[in-house]
Amino acid sequence: MHRVTHYRRTIDGIEAISLDSDRAFPRHAHDEFGVGVIVSGAHRSWSGRGQVDALAGDTIMVNPGEMHDGMPIGTDAGRRWRMLYLAPALVADVAAEEGLGGVELVHPAVRDARLAAAVGQLHARVVDGGNLPLARDEALVMLVAGLLARHANRALPAAGVAPAIRIARERLDAAPAAPVSLAELAGLSGVSRFQLLRGFARELGITPHAYLVQSRARLARALLANGRPIADAAAEAGFADQSHLTRAFVRQFGITPGRFAQAV
């Protein structure tokens, strides 16, 4: 079973998804803050904070750029969950109003009934798409305020990523479509090729190439959201062809590029 409903964006900077799946997702990252609620079943995930289990009613969350994976708990089990992806600028705006700087979510999974209700409220507002700007704004602020008050650090740390790995990662994110060699990344980072490979695996759980493919998938996703044809998005993001994009896109986002393009 694998069903993903990707709702049309009705609020700038917020994406809503519903998932019903027994599929395991490999380690990947998003450009946005991810906040969701497990509706049924149970979910296990790994991030830089270790492995956590989330049960029905629990809220799960992830920071922009934070590597994580996900799998159902139980050999024949699936899980249903709702996710919201919030543009960092939206979260930063609410944080600034509260006199806070950078924000990092610190609880990959938590039992917080008020937060789960806030996720559900904002998710419903996005899905409904009605012309109720005040209600949407209230739902957004209530959710982000709950995150800031109970589940976030007040300043964004370096997240434990060594400087060399951060430099290599910034290069891959800045120009994912551009060809790059391991030697070039190592030279930019000031370490040997082996040190870079080992450091990437230790800090992020994947290789630099796997991270590059994910960066390209995120770029293609942004291009599709702006109306680019799938073939053009694949080429502009650095994929050899549309089939390569499709494989990477499904692996990372659980939906084909075509279905995503239809939904945005």
Protein backbone atom coordinates (compact mmCIF):
# COMPACT_ATOMS: atom_id res chain seq x y z
CA MET A 1 0.00 0.00 0.00
CA HIS A 2 1.36 3.39 -0.97
CA ARG A 3 -0.96 6.32 -1.48
CA VAL A 4 0.13 9.97 -1.40
CA THR A 5 -2.30 12.87 -1.70
CA HIS A 6 -0.51 16.08 -2.56
CA TYR A 7 -2.90 19.00 -2.08
CA ARG A 8 -2.89 22.07 -4.26
CA ARG A 9 -1.13 24.96 -2.53
CA THR A 10 -3.64 27.48 -1.22
CA ILE A 11 -1.29 29.32 1.15
CA ASP A 12 2.07 30.58 -0.06
CA GLY A 13 4.93 28.78 1.64
CA ILE A 14 2.85 25.89 3.01
CA GLU A 15 2.50 22.44 1.47
CA ALA A 16 0.07 19.81 2.77
CA ILE A 17 0.32 16.07 2.11
CA SER A 18 -1.57 13.01 3.35
CA LEU A 19 0.12 9.62 3.17
CA ASP A 20 -1.02 6.03 3.65
CA SER A 21 1.95 3.76 3.14
CA ASP A 22 3.82 0.67 4.23
CA ARG A 23 6.87 1.87 2.32
CA ALA A 24 10.23 2.71 3.88
CA PHE A 25 11.83 5.98 2.80
CA PRO A 26 15.65 6.19 2.62
CA ARG A 27 17.59 9.01 4.20
CA HIS A 28 16.82 12.35 2.63
CA ALA A 29 16.27 16.01 3.47
CA HIS A 30 13.76 18.76 2.72
CA ASP A 31 14.22 22.47 2.19
CA GLU A 32 11.35 23.25 4.56
CA PHE A 33 10.39 22.60 8.17
CA GLY A 34 8.33 19.41 8.22
CA VAL A 35 5.65 18.90 10.88
CA GLY A 36 3.14 16.05 10.81
CA VAL A 37 0.84 13.86 12.85
CA ILE A 38 0.61 10.06 12.80
CA VAL A 39 -3.08 9.23 12.23
CA SER A 40 -2.82 5.45 12.56
CA GLY A 41 -0.14 2.80 12.74
CA ALA A 42 3.39 3.49 13.93
CA HIS A 43 6.43 5.10 12.34
CA ARG A 44 10.16 4.74 13.04
CA SER A 45 12.70 7.27 11.87
CA TRP A 46 16.34 8.21 12.21
CA SER A 47 17.80 11.70 12.21
CA GLY A 48 20.90 13.35 13.62
CA ARG A 49 19.22 13.05 17.02
CA GLY A 50 19.02 9.27 16.83
CA GLN A 51 16.20 6.81 16.25
CA VAL A 52 12.68 7.55 17.45
CA ASP A 53 9.31 5.81 17.25
CA ALA A 54 6.06 7.69 16.70
CA LEU A 55 2.63 6.21 17.47
CA ALA A 56 -0.85 7.31 16.48
CA GLY A 57 -1.45 10.81 17.82
CA ASP A 58 2.25 11.70 18.00
CA THR A 59 3.68 14.69 16.16
CA ILE A 60 6.81 14.27 14.04
CA MET A 61 9.04 17.11 12.94
CA VAL A 62 12.21 17.77 10.98
CA ASN A 63 14.34 20.84 10.23
CA PRO A 64 15.29 22.16 6.80
CA GLY A 65 18.28 20.24 5.51
CA GLU A 66 18.13 17.66 8.31
CA MET A 67 18.79 14.12 7.09
CA HIS A 68 16.15 11.61 8.15
CA ASP A 69 14.45 8.41 7.02
CA GLY A 70 11.18 6.68 7.82
CA MET A 71 9.68 3.21 7.96
CA PRO A 72 6.60 1.48 9.36
CA ILE A 73 6.89 -0.49 12.58
CA GLY A 74 5.89 -4.10 11.97
CA THR A 75 6.54 -6.33 8.98
CA ASP A 76 3.01 -6.14 7.55
CA ALA A 77 2.05 -2.80 9.03
CA GLY A 78 1.48 0.52 7.37
CA ARG A 79 0.83 3.94 8.78
CA ARG A 80 -1.21 6.97 7.87
CA TRP A 81 0.03 10.45 8.55
CA ARG A 82 -0.50 14.07 7.55
CA MET A 83 2.42 16.38 6.84
CA LEU A 84 2.88 20.11 6.53
CA TYR A 85 6.00 21.61 4.98
CA LEU A 86 6.57 25.20 6.08
CA ALA A 87 8.90 27.57 4.24
CA PRO A 88 11.68 28.71 6.60
CA ALA A 89 10.70 32.34 5.98
CA LEU A 90 7.24 31.74 7.44
CA VAL A 91 8.70 30.28 10.62
CA ALA A 92 11.31 33.05 10.79
CA ASP A 93 8.62 35.73 10.54
CA VAL A 94 6.72 34.36 13.53
CA ALA A 95 9.96 33.87 15.47
CA ALA A 96 10.98 37.48 14.78
CA GLU A 97 7.68 38.71 16.16
CA GLU A 98 8.53 36.83 19.36
CA GLY A 99 11.99 38.39 19.49
CA LEU A 100 13.73 35.16 18.51
CA GLY A 101 16.47 34.54 15.98
CA GLY A 102 17.12 31.27 14.17
CA VAL A 103 14.95 28.29 15.01
CA GLU A 104 15.78 24.59 15.31
CA LEU A 105 13.16 21.97 16.15
CA VAL A 106 14.59 19.65 18.78
CA HIS A 107 12.01 16.84 19.15
CA PRO A 108 11.82 14.46 16.17
CA ALA A 109 8.71 12.85 17.73
CA VAL A 110 6.59 14.04 20.63
CA ARG A 111 3.24 13.42 22.31
CA ASP A 112 1.68 16.90 22.46
CA ALA A 113 -2.10 17.02 22.00
CA ARG A 114 -2.19 20.79 21.53
CA LEU A 115 0.49 20.67 18.86
CA ALA A 116 -1.21 17.78 17.06
CA ALA A 117 -4.46 19.74 17.05
CA ALA A 118 -2.67 22.79 15.63
CA VAL A 119 -1.16 20.66 12.85
CA GLY A 120 -4.60 19.28 12.03
CA GLN A 121 -6.15 22.75 12.00
CA LEU A 122 -3.59 24.23 9.60
CA HIS A 123 -3.64 21.12 7.41
CA ALA A 124 -7.42 21.45 7.13
CA ARG A 125 -7.14 25.13 6.22
CA VAL A 126 -4.67 24.38 3.44
CA VAL A 127 -6.78 21.52 2.08
CA ASP A 128 -10.02 23.52 2.28
CA GLY A 129 -8.54 26.45 0.39
CA GLY A 130 -11.40 28.76 1.33
CA ASN A 131 -11.06 32.52 1.29
CA LEU A 132 -10.49 32.83 5.03
CA PRO A 133 -7.14 34.61 5.36
CA LEU A 134 -7.55 35.45 9.03
CA ALA A 135 -8.37 31.86 9.94
CA ARG A 136 -5.38 30.64 7.93
CA ASP A 137 -3.06 33.16 9.57
CA GLU A 138 -4.33 32.20 13.02
CA ALA A 139 -3.80 28.51 12.31
CA LEU A 140 -0.25 29.16 11.09
CA VAL A 141 0.71 31.36 14.04
CA MET A 142 -0.80 28.94 16.56
CA LEU A 143 1.21 26.05 15.13
CA VAL A 144 4.51 27.91 14.89
CA ALA A 145 4.04 29.49 18.32
CA GLY A 146 3.52 26.03 19.80
CA LEU A 147 6.69 24.79 18.12
CA LEU A 148 8.69 27.77 19.38
CA ALA A 149 7.37 27.57 22.92
CA ARG A 150 7.80 23.86 23.54
CA HIS A 151 9.86 22.18 20.84
CA ALA A 152 12.55 24.52 19.52
CA ASN A 153 15.88 26.00 20.45
CA ARG A 154 15.97 29.77 20.41
CA ALA A 155 19.09 29.95 18.26
CA LEU A 156 20.06 27.75 15.34
CA PRO A 157 23.31 25.85 16.05
CA ALA A 158 25.62 24.29 13.54
CA ALA A 159 23.75 20.99 14.01
CA GLY A 160 27.01 19.11 14.64
CA VAL A 161 28.11 19.19 11.00
CA ALA A 162 31.87 19.49 10.69
CA PRO A 163 33.05 22.58 8.75
CA ALA A 164 34.43 20.52 5.86
CA ILE A 165 31.17 18.63 5.42
CA ARG A 166 29.18 21.86 5.63
CA ILE A 167 31.30 23.43 2.88
CA ALA A 168 30.81 20.42 0.59
CA ARG A 169 27.11 20.35 1.30
CA GLU A 170 26.75 24.07 0.55
CA ARG A 171 28.48 23.54 -2.81
CA LEU A 172 26.10 20.70 -3.71
CA ASP A 173 23.06 22.71 -2.69
CA ALA A 174 24.21 25.87 -4.47
CA ALA A 175 24.67 24.26 -7.89
CA PRO A 176 23.16 20.75 -7.94
CA ALA A 177 22.91 20.65 -11.73
CA ALA A 178 26.62 21.38 -12.21
CA PRO A 179 28.97 18.39 -12.54
CA VAL A 180 31.33 17.99 -9.61
CA SER A 181 34.00 15.46 -8.67
CA LEU A 182 34.89 14.09 -5.28
CA ALA A 183 38.33 15.63 -5.68
CA GLU A 184 36.78 19.06 -6.28
CA LEU A 185 34.57 18.76 -3.21
CA ALA A 186 37.50 17.59 -1.11
CA GLY A 187 39.65 20.48 -2.36
CA LEU A 188 36.96 23.02 -1.51
CA SER A 189 36.54 21.48 1.92
CA GLY A 190 40.23 21.19 2.71
CA VAL A 191 40.19 17.45 3.41
CA SER A 192 41.15 14.29 1.55
CA ARG A 193 38.66 12.41 -0.62
CA PHE A 194 38.49 9.60 1.93
CA GLN A 195 38.00 12.01 4.81
CA LEU A 196 35.13 13.64 2.93
CA LEU A 197 33.45 10.31 2.20
CA ARG A 198 33.84 9.13 5.78
CA GLY A 199 32.69 12.46 7.19
CA PHE A 200 29.59 12.53 4.99
CA ALA A 201 28.64 9.02 6.03
CA ARG A 202 29.19 9.82 9.71
CA GLU A 203 27.38 13.17 9.73
CA LEU A 204 24.57 12.55 7.22
CA GLY A 205 24.33 8.81 6.72
CA ILE A 206 24.70 8.98 2.92
CA THR A 207 27.43 9.61 0.34
CA PRO A 208 28.07 12.96 -1.37
CA HIS A 209 26.68 11.53 -4.63
CA ALA A 210 23.47 10.40 -2.97
CA TYR A 211 23.14 13.85 -1.43
CA LEU A 212 23.70 15.46 -4.85
CA VAL A 213 20.91 13.36 -6.38
CA GLN A 214 18.61 14.51 -3.59
CA SER A 215 19.59 18.14 -4.17
CA ARG A 216 18.81 17.71 -7.85
CA ALA A 217 15.44 16.20 -6.99
CA ARG A 218 14.64 19.20 -4.80
CA LEU A 219 15.64 21.56 -7.61
CA ALA A 220 13.46 19.66 -10.09
CA ARG A 221 10.59 19.83 -7.63
CA ALA A 222 10.94 23.62 -7.42
CA LEU A 223 11.04 23.88 -11.22
CA LEU A 224 7.92 21.75 -11.55
CA ALA A 225 6.16 23.89 -8.96
CA ASN A 226 6.91 26.89 -11.20
CA GLY A 227 5.33 25.22 -14.21
CA ARG A 228 8.35 23.78 -16.02
CA PRO A 229 7.67 20.67 -18.15
CA ILE A 230 8.98 17.46 -16.65
CA ALA A 231 11.59 16.88 -19.34
CA ASP A 232 12.91 20.43 -18.99
CA ALA A 233 12.97 20.19 -15.20
CA ALA A 234 14.95 16.95 -15.44
CA ALA A 235 17.54 18.49 -17.75
CA GLU A 236 17.83 21.76 -15.83
CA ALA A 237 18.27 19.91 -12.54
CA GLY A 238 21.13 17.82 -13.91
CA PHE A 239 19.40 14.48 -14.52
CA ALA A 240 20.43 12.46 -17.55
CA ASP A 241 16.82 12.01 -18.61
CA GLN A 242 13.25 12.00 -17.35
CA SER A 243 13.40 8.40 -16.14
CA HIS A 244 16.34 9.20 -13.87
CA LEU A 245 14.37 12.10 -12.41
CA THR A 246 11.31 9.92 -11.88
CA ARG A 247 13.25 7.29 -9.94
CA ALA A 248 14.91 9.88 -7.70
CA PHE A 249 11.68 11.84 -7.24
CA VAL A 250 9.63 8.82 -6.17
CA ARG A 251 12.39 7.63 -3.85
CA GLN A 252 12.60 11.02 -2.11
CA PHE A 253 9.05 12.37 -2.20
CA GLY A 254 6.90 9.25 -2.64
CA ILE A 255 5.11 10.67 -5.70
CA THR A 256 5.90 10.83 -9.41
CA PRO A 257 6.90 14.13 -11.01
CA GLY A 258 3.77 14.00 -13.15
CA ARG A 259 1.42 13.66 -10.20
CA PHE A 260 3.27 16.38 -8.33
CA ALA A 261 3.03 18.75 -11.31
CA GLN A 262 -0.71 18.14 -11.54
CA ALA A 263 -1.18 18.96 -7.86
CA VAL A 264 0.66 22.27 -7.70
